[in-house]
Amino acid sequence: MQQYADINNDSGVVGYEISAASIIVWFNGAPKPYTYSYAIAGQHHVEKMKQLASSGDGLNAYINHNVKFKYDR
């Protein structure tokens, strides 16, 4: 797991792991990580989430507005 930079100190995201077709996100206080894949969340969203995760800003807000319930179960 890569630690999320959270440059504004306002995110519920604490870490992430990027793979070719998905991103796994760890949230503060969540019992397990959430996997967002091309198959469920869509390629466009997953690629945007990878970009935001790497930049350390905006990932939590993006998830809440675009893919909140589109994680792999």
PDB file of N, CA and C in Angstrom:
ATOM      1  N   MET A   1       0.847  -1.184   0.000  1.00  0.00           N
ATOM      2  CA  MET A   1       0.000   0.000   0.000  1.00  0.00           C
ATOM      3  C   MET A   1       0.888   1.241   0.000  1.00  0.00           C
ATOM      4  N   GLN A   2       0.530   2.172  -0.856  1.00  0.00           N
ATOM      5  CA  GLN A   2       1.183   3.475  -0.927  1.00  0.00           C
ATOM      6  C   GLN A   2       0.400   4.444  -0.042  1.00  0.00           C
ATOM      7  N   GLN A   3       1.071   5.196   0.795  1.00  0.00           N
ATOM      8  CA  GLN A   3       0.381   6.171   1.639  1.00  0.00           C
ATOM      9  C   GLN A   3      -0.106   7.333   0.779  1.00  0.00           C
ATOM     10  N   TYR A   4      -1.368   7.739   1.002  1.00  0.00           N
ATOM     11  CA  TYR A   4      -1.943   8.864   0.270  1.00  0.00           C
ATOM     12  C   TYR A   4      -1.412  10.157   0.874  1.00  0.00           C
ATOM     13  N   ALA A   5      -0.876  11.057   0.063  1.00  0.00           N
ATOM     14  CA  ALA A   5      -0.236  12.279   0.554  1.00  0.00           C
ATOM     15  C   ALA A   5      -1.217  13.234   1.231  1.00  0.00           C
ATOM     16  N   ASP A   6      -2.442  13.332   0.730  1.00  0.00           N
ATOM     17  CA  ASP A   6      -3.463  14.221   1.296  1.00  0.00           C
ATOM     18  C   ASP A   6      -2.888  15.604   1.582  1.00  0.00           C
ATOM     19  N   ILE A   7      -2.500  16.299   0.546  1.00  0.00           N
ATOM     20  CA  ILE A   7      -1.797  17.574   0.706  1.00  0.00           C
ATOM     21  C   ILE A   7      -2.608  18.644   1.430  1.00  0.00           C
ATOM     22  N   ASN A   8      -3.928  18.520   1.450  1.00  0.00           N
ATOM     23  CA  ASN A   8      -4.766  19.495   2.158  1.00  0.00           C
ATOM     24  C   ASN A   8      -5.218  18.998   3.529  1.00  0.00           C
ATOM     25  N   ASN A   9      -4.819  17.799   3.889  1.00  0.00           N
ATOM     26  CA  ASN A   9      -5.216  17.198   5.176  1.00  0.00           C
ATOM     27  C   ASN A   9      -6.723  17.203   5.394  1.00  0.00           C
ATOM     28  N   ASP A  10      -7.478  16.855   4.351  1.00  0.00           N
ATOM     29  CA  ASP A  10      -8.941  16.880   4.458  1.00  0.00           C
ATOM     30  C   ASP A  10      -9.595  15.633   3.860  1.00  0.00           C
ATOM     31  N   SER A  11      -8.838  14.549   3.747  1.00  0.00           N
ATOM     32  CA  SER A  11      -9.341  13.367   3.055  1.00  0.00           C
ATOM     33  C   SER A  11      -9.559  12.200   3.999  1.00  0.00           C
ATOM     34  N   GLY A  12     -10.519  11.353   3.640  1.00  0.00           N
ATOM     35  CA  GLY A  12     -10.726  10.106   4.356  1.00  0.00           C
ATOM     36  C   GLY A  12      -9.882   8.980   3.793  1.00  0.00           C
ATOM     37  N   VAL A  13      -9.158   9.241   2.710  1.00  0.00           N
ATOM     38  CA  VAL A  13      -8.295   8.237   2.087  1.00  0.00           C
ATOM     39  C   VAL A  13      -6.952   8.211   2.818  1.00  0.00           C
ATOM     40  N   VAL A  14      -6.496   7.011   3.163  1.00  0.00           N
ATOM     41  CA  VAL A  14      -5.200   6.888   3.828  1.00  0.00           C
ATOM     42  C   VAL A  14      -4.153   6.183   2.964  1.00  0.00           C
ATOM     43  N   GLY A  15      -4.609   5.392   1.985  1.00  0.00           N
ATOM     44  CA  GLY A  15      -3.661   4.705   1.133  1.00  0.00           C
ATOM     45  C   GLY A  15      -4.300   4.160  -0.124  1.00  0.00           C
ATOM     46  N   TYR A  16      -3.456   3.711  -1.036  1.00  0.00           N
ATOM     47  CA  TYR A  16      -3.949   3.175  -2.305  1.00  0.00           C
ATOM     48  C   TYR A  16      -2.909   2.240  -2.898  1.00  0.00           C
ATOM     49  N   GLU A  17      -3.378   1.427  -3.820  1.00  0.00           N
ATOM     50  CA  GLU A  17      -2.502   0.535  -4.580  1.00  0.00           C
ATOM     51  C   GLU A  17      -3.013   0.515  -6.016  1.00  0.00           C
ATOM     52  N   ILE A  18      -2.138   0.819  -6.945  1.00  0.00           N
ATOM     53  CA  ILE A  18      -2.504   0.905  -8.358  1.00  0.00           C
ATOM     54  C   ILE A  18      -2.060  -0.356  -9.094  1.00  0.00           C
ATOM     55  N   SER A  19      -2.963  -0.901  -9.910  1.00  0.00           N
ATOM     56  CA  SER A  19      -2.606  -1.987 -10.826  1.00  0.00           C
ATOM     57  C   SER A  19      -3.064  -1.578 -12.222  1.00  0.00           C
ATOM     58  N   ALA A  20      -2.844  -2.416 -13.192  1.00  0.00           N
ATOM     59  CA  ALA A  20      -3.135  -2.059 -14.581  1.00  0.00           C
ATOM     60  C   ALA A  20      -4.590  -1.663 -14.807  1.00  0.00           C
ATOM     61  N   ALA A  21      -5.542  -2.403 -14.250  1.00  0.00           N
ATOM     62  CA  ALA A  21      -6.959  -2.164 -14.536  1.00  0.00           C
ATOM     63  C   ALA A  21      -7.788  -1.868 -13.292  1.00  0.00           C
ATOM     64  N   SER A  22      -7.127  -1.444 -12.214  1.00  0.00           N
ATOM     65  CA  SER A  22      -7.881  -1.143 -10.994  1.00  0.00           C
ATOM     66  C   SER A  22      -7.062  -0.290 -10.039  1.00  0.00           C
ATOM     67  N   ILE A  23      -7.746   0.191  -9.019  1.00  0.00           N
ATOM     68  CA  ILE A  23      -7.096   0.874  -7.908  1.00  0.00           C
ATOM     69  C   ILE A  23      -7.775   0.399  -6.629  1.00  0.00           C
ATOM     70  N   ILE A  24      -6.976   0.072  -5.647  1.00  0.00           N
ATOM     71  CA  ILE A  24      -7.481  -0.315  -4.335  1.00  0.00           C
ATOM     72  C   ILE A  24      -7.287   0.886  -3.425  1.00  0.00           C
ATOM     73  N   VAL A  25      -8.336   1.247  -2.685  1.00  0.00           N
ATOM     74  CA  VAL A  25      -8.288   2.430  -1.830  1.00  0.00           C
ATOM     75  C   VAL A  25      -8.595   2.040  -0.389  1.00  0.00           C
ATOM     76  N   TRP A  26      -7.748   2.510   0.524  1.00  0.00           N
ATOM     77  CA  TRP A  26      -7.967   2.327   1.955  1.00  0.00           C
ATOM     78  C   TRP A  26      -8.508   3.628   2.526  1.00  0.00           C
ATOM     79  N   PHE A  27      -9.625   3.534   3.249  1.00  0.00           N
ATOM     80  CA  PHE A  27     -10.241   4.698   3.879  1.00  0.00           C
ATOM     81  C   PHE A  27     -10.023   4.648   5.387  1.00  0.00           C
ATOM     82  N   ASN A  28      -9.874   5.800   5.989  1.00  0.00           N
ATOM     83  CA  ASN A  28      -9.722   5.908   7.430  1.00  0.00           C
ATOM     84  C   ASN A  28     -10.943   5.312   8.130  1.00  0.00           C
ATOM     85  N   GLY A  29     -10.720   4.353   9.002  1.00  0.00           N
ATOM     86  CA  GLY A  29     -11.803   3.755   9.770  1.00  0.00           C
ATOM     87  C   GLY A  29     -12.566   2.642   9.080  1.00  0.00           C
ATOM     88  N   ALA A  30     -12.292   2.396   7.808  1.00  0.00           N
ATOM     89  CA  ALA A  30     -12.989   1.320   7.084  1.00  0.00           C
ATOM     90  C   ALA A  30     -12.354  -0.022   7.446  1.00  0.00           C
ATOM     91  N   PRO A  31     -13.169  -1.058   7.589  1.00  0.00           N
ATOM     92  CA  PRO A  31     -12.630  -2.363   7.983  1.00  0.00           C
ATOM     93  C   PRO A  31     -11.841  -3.075   6.887  1.00  0.00           C
ATOM     94  N   LYS A  32     -12.040  -2.650   5.640  1.00  0.00           N
ATOM     95  CA  LYS A  32     -11.349  -3.299   4.525  1.00  0.00           C
ATOM     96  C   LYS A  32     -11.137  -2.286   3.407  1.00  0.00           C
ATOM     97  N   PRO A  33     -10.189  -2.550   2.513  1.00  0.00           N
ATOM     98  CA  PRO A  33      -9.996  -1.655   1.371  1.00  0.00           C
ATOM     99  C   PRO A  33     -11.079  -1.878   0.314  1.00  0.00           C
ATOM    100  N   TYR A  34     -11.233  -0.910  -0.556  1.00  0.00           N
ATOM    101  CA  TYR A  34     -12.210  -0.979  -1.643  1.00  0.00           C
ATOM    102  C   TYR A  34     -11.467  -1.009  -2.968  1.00  0.00           C
ATOM    103  N   THR A  35     -11.870  -1.937  -3.835  1.00  0.00           N
ATOM    104  CA  THR A  35     -11.272  -2.062  -5.157  1.00  0.00           C
ATOM    105  C   THR A  35     -12.215  -1.472  -6.193  1.00  0.00           C
ATOM    106  N   TYR A  36     -11.694  -0.542  -6.977  1.00  0.00           N
ATOM    107  CA  TYR A  36     -12.440   0.065  -8.078  1.00  0.00           C
ATOM    108  C   TYR A  36     -11.775  -0.404  -9.368  1.00  0.00           C
ATOM    109  N   SER A  37     -12.528  -1.137 -10.188  1.00  0.00           N
ATOM    110  CA  SER A  37     -11.959  -1.747 -11.392  1.00  0.00           C
ATOM    111  C   SER A  37     -12.576  -1.170 -12.662  1.00  0.00           C
ATOM    112  N   TYR A  38     -11.883  -1.420 -13.776  1.00  0.00           N
ATOM    113  CA  TYR A  38     -12.432  -1.048 -15.073  1.00  0.00           C
ATOM    114  C   TYR A  38     -13.817  -1.664 -15.255  1.00  0.00           C
ATOM    115  N   ALA A  39     -13.978  -2.909 -14.844  1.00  0.00           N
ATOM    116  CA  ALA A  39     -15.226  -3.642 -15.082  1.00  0.00           C
ATOM    117  C   ALA A  39     -16.420  -3.034 -14.357  1.00  0.00           C
ATOM    118  N   ILE A  40     -16.228  -2.500 -13.165  1.00  0.00           N
ATOM    119  CA  ILE A  40     -17.342  -1.974 -12.373  1.00  0.00           C
ATOM    120  C   ILE A  40     -17.399  -0.447 -12.412  1.00  0.00           C
ATOM    121  N   ALA A  41     -16.297   0.217 -12.135  1.00  0.00           N
ATOM    122  CA  ALA A  41     -16.290   1.685 -12.081  1.00  0.00           C
ATOM    123  C   ALA A  41     -16.093   2.321 -13.453  1.00  0.00           C
ATOM    124  N   GLY A  42     -15.473   1.596 -14.363  1.00  0.00           N
ATOM    125  CA  GLY A  42     -15.206   2.123 -15.699  1.00  0.00           C
ATOM    126  C   GLY A  42     -13.771   2.614 -15.833  1.00  0.00           C
ATOM    127  N   GLN A  43     -13.212   2.417 -17.004  1.00  0.00           N
ATOM    128  CA  GLN A  43     -11.817   2.772 -17.258  1.00  0.00           C
ATOM    129  C   GLN A  43     -11.549   4.253 -17.021  1.00  0.00           C
ATOM    130  N   HIS A  44     -12.425   5.114 -17.509  1.00  0.00           N
ATOM    131  CA  HIS A  44     -12.234   6.558 -17.361  1.00  0.00           C
ATOM    132  C   HIS A  44     -12.110   6.942 -15.889  1.00  0.00           C
ATOM    133  N   HIS A  45     -13.022   6.439 -15.064  1.00  0.00           N
ATOM    134  CA  HIS A  45     -13.001   6.775 -13.640  1.00  0.00           C
ATOM    135  C   HIS A  45     -11.769   6.212 -12.939  1.00  0.00           C
ATOM    136  N   VAL A  46     -11.420   4.980 -13.239  1.00  0.00           N
ATOM    137  CA  VAL A  46     -10.258   4.362 -12.594  1.00  0.00           C
ATOM    138  C   VAL A  46      -8.980   5.118 -12.953  1.00  0.00           C
ATOM    139  N   GLU A  47      -8.827   5.492 -14.207  1.00  0.00           N
ATOM    140  CA  GLU A  47      -7.634   6.235 -14.614  1.00  0.00           C
ATOM    141  C   GLU A  47      -7.576   7.608 -13.943  1.00  0.00           C
ATOM    142  N   LYS A  48      -8.708   8.269 -13.803  1.00  0.00           N
ATOM    143  CA  LYS A  48      -8.749   9.556 -13.105  1.00  0.00           C
ATOM    144  C   LYS A  48      -8.390   9.372 -11.632  1.00  0.00           C
ATOM    145  N   MET A  49      -8.893   8.303 -11.017  1.00  0.00           N
ATOM    146  CA  MET A  49      -8.585   8.027  -9.618  1.00  0.00           C
ATOM    147  C   MET A  49      -7.090   7.747  -9.431  1.00  0.00           C
ATOM    148  N   LYS A  50      -6.473   7.049 -10.371  1.00  0.00           N
ATOM    149  CA  LYS A  50      -5.030   6.801 -10.303  1.00  0.00           C
ATOM    150  C   LYS A  50      -4.264   8.119 -10.328  1.00  0.00           C
ATOM    151  N   GLN A  51      -4.682   9.017 -11.198  1.00  0.00           N
ATOM    152  CA  GLN A  51      -4.034  10.325 -11.314  1.00  0.00           C
ATOM    153  C   GLN A  51      -4.172  11.112 -10.008  1.00  0.00           C
ATOM    154  N   LEU A  52      -5.387  11.140  -9.453  1.00  0.00           N
ATOM    155  CA  LEU A  52      -5.624  11.874  -8.212  1.00  0.00           C
ATOM    156  C   LEU A  52      -4.869  11.250  -7.042  1.00  0.00           C
ATOM    157  N   ALA A  53      -4.821   9.928  -6.994  1.00  0.00           N
ATOM    158  CA  ALA A  53      -4.088   9.244  -5.925  1.00  0.00           C
ATOM    159  C   ALA A  53      -2.609   9.627  -5.966  1.00  0.00           C
ATOM    160  N   SER A  54      -2.036   9.630  -7.142  1.00  0.00           N
ATOM    161  CA  SER A  54      -0.624   9.973  -7.286  1.00  0.00           C
ATOM    162  C   SER A  54      -0.340  11.424  -6.939  1.00  0.00           C
ATOM    163  N   SER A  55      -1.302  12.306  -7.213  1.00  0.00           N
ATOM    164  CA  SER A  55      -1.108  13.729  -6.922  1.00  0.00           C
ATOM    165  C   SER A  55      -1.339  14.060  -5.453  1.00  0.00           C
ATOM    166  N   GLY A  56      -2.046  13.183  -4.729  1.00  0.00           N
ATOM    167  CA  GLY A  56      -2.298  13.414  -3.306  1.00  0.00           C
ATOM    168  C   GLY A  56      -3.399  14.399  -3.017  1.00  0.00           C
ATOM    169  N   ASP A  57      -4.269  14.647  -3.982  1.00  0.00           N
ATOM    170  CA  ASP A  57      -5.333  15.629  -3.774  1.00  0.00           C
ATOM    171  C   ASP A  57      -6.570  15.278  -4.592  1.00  0.00           C
ATOM    172  N   GLY A  58      -7.732  15.320  -3.947  1.00  0.00           N
ATOM    173  CA  GLY A  58      -9.002  15.203  -4.645  1.00  0.00           C
ATOM    174  C   GLY A  58      -9.589  13.813  -4.781  1.00  0.00           C
ATOM    175  N   LEU A  59      -8.894  12.787  -4.322  1.00  0.00           N
ATOM    176  CA  LEU A  59      -9.375  11.421  -4.538  1.00  0.00           C
ATOM    177  C   LEU A  59     -10.668  11.134  -3.786  1.00  0.00           C
ATOM    178  N   ASN A  60     -10.739  11.486  -2.525  1.00  0.00           N
ATOM    179  CA  ASN A  60     -11.942  11.213  -1.735  1.00  0.00           C
ATOM    180  C   ASN A  60     -13.167  11.912  -2.322  1.00  0.00           C
ATOM    181  N   ALA A  61     -13.026  13.172  -2.687  1.00  0.00           N
ATOM    182  CA  ALA A  61     -14.142  13.926  -3.273  1.00  0.00           C
ATOM    183  C   ALA A  61     -14.571  13.307  -4.599  1.00  0.00           C
ATOM    184  N   TYR A  62     -13.606  12.906  -5.422  1.00  0.00           N
ATOM    185  CA  TYR A  62     -13.930  12.290  -6.708  1.00  0.00           C
ATOM    186  C   TYR A  62     -14.714  11.000  -6.505  1.00  0.00           C
ATOM    187  N   ILE A  63     -14.267  10.181  -5.583  1.00  0.00           N
ATOM    188  CA  ILE A  63     -14.969   8.927  -5.295  1.00  0.00           C
ATOM    189  C   ILE A  63     -16.392   9.217  -4.847  1.00  0.00           C
ATOM    190  N   ASN A  64     -16.566  10.133  -3.909  1.00  0.00           N
ATOM    191  CA  ASN A  64     -17.904  10.450  -3.393  1.00  0.00           C
ATOM    192  C   ASN A  64     -18.846  10.976  -4.468  1.00  0.00           C
ATOM    193  N   HIS A  65     -18.332  11.724  -5.419  1.00  0.00           N
ATOM    194  CA  HIS A  65     -19.182  12.316  -6.457  1.00  0.00           C
ATOM    195  C   HIS A  65     -19.401  11.421  -7.672  1.00  0.00           C
ATOM    196  N   ASN A  66     -18.504  10.470  -7.919  1.00  0.00           N
ATOM    197  CA  ASN A  66     -18.569   9.722  -9.177  1.00  0.00           C
ATOM    198  C   ASN A  66     -18.694   8.201  -9.073  1.00  0.00           C
ATOM    199  N   VAL A  67     -18.062   7.602  -8.087  1.00  0.00           N
ATOM    200  CA  VAL A  67     -18.013   6.133  -8.063  1.00  0.00           C
ATOM    201  C   VAL A  67     -18.249   5.535  -6.678  1.00  0.00           C
ATOM    202  N   LYS A  68     -18.900   6.256  -5.815  1.00  0.00           N
ATOM    203  CA  LYS A  68     -19.025   5.857  -4.406  1.00  0.00           C
ATOM    204  C   LYS A  68     -19.416   4.389  -4.220  1.00  0.00           C
ATOM    205  N   PHE A  69     -20.406   3.928  -4.951  1.00  0.00           N
ATOM    206  CA  PHE A  69     -20.888   2.554  -4.785  1.00  0.00           C
ATOM    207  C   PHE A  69     -20.487   1.634  -5.939  1.00  0.00           C
ATOM    208  N   LYS A  70     -19.555   2.076  -6.779  1.00  0.00           N
ATOM    209  CA  LYS A  70     -19.129   1.284  -7.936  1.00  0.00           C
ATOM    210  C   LYS A  70     -17.830   0.532  -7.658  1.00  0.00           C
ATOM    211  N   TYR A  71     -17.741  -0.059  -6.490  1.00  0.00           N
ATOM    212  CA  TYR A  71     -16.562  -0.846  -6.143  1.00  0.00           C
ATOM    213  C   TYR A  71     -16.867  -2.330  -6.330  1.00  0.00           C
ATOM    214  N   ASP A  72     -15.824  -3.118  -6.471  1.00  0.00           N
ATOM    215  CA  ASP A  72     -15.978  -4.571  -6.638  1.00  0.00           C
ATOM    216  C   ASP A  72     -16.426  -5.184  -5.318  1.00  0.00           C
ATOM    217  N   ARG A  73     -17.361  -6.111  -5.392  1.00  0.00           N
ATOM    218  CA  ARG A  73     -17.868  -6.746  -4.170  1.00  0.00           C
ATOM    219  C   ARG A  73     -17.475  -8.195  -4.122  1.00  0.00           C
TER     220      ARG A  73
END
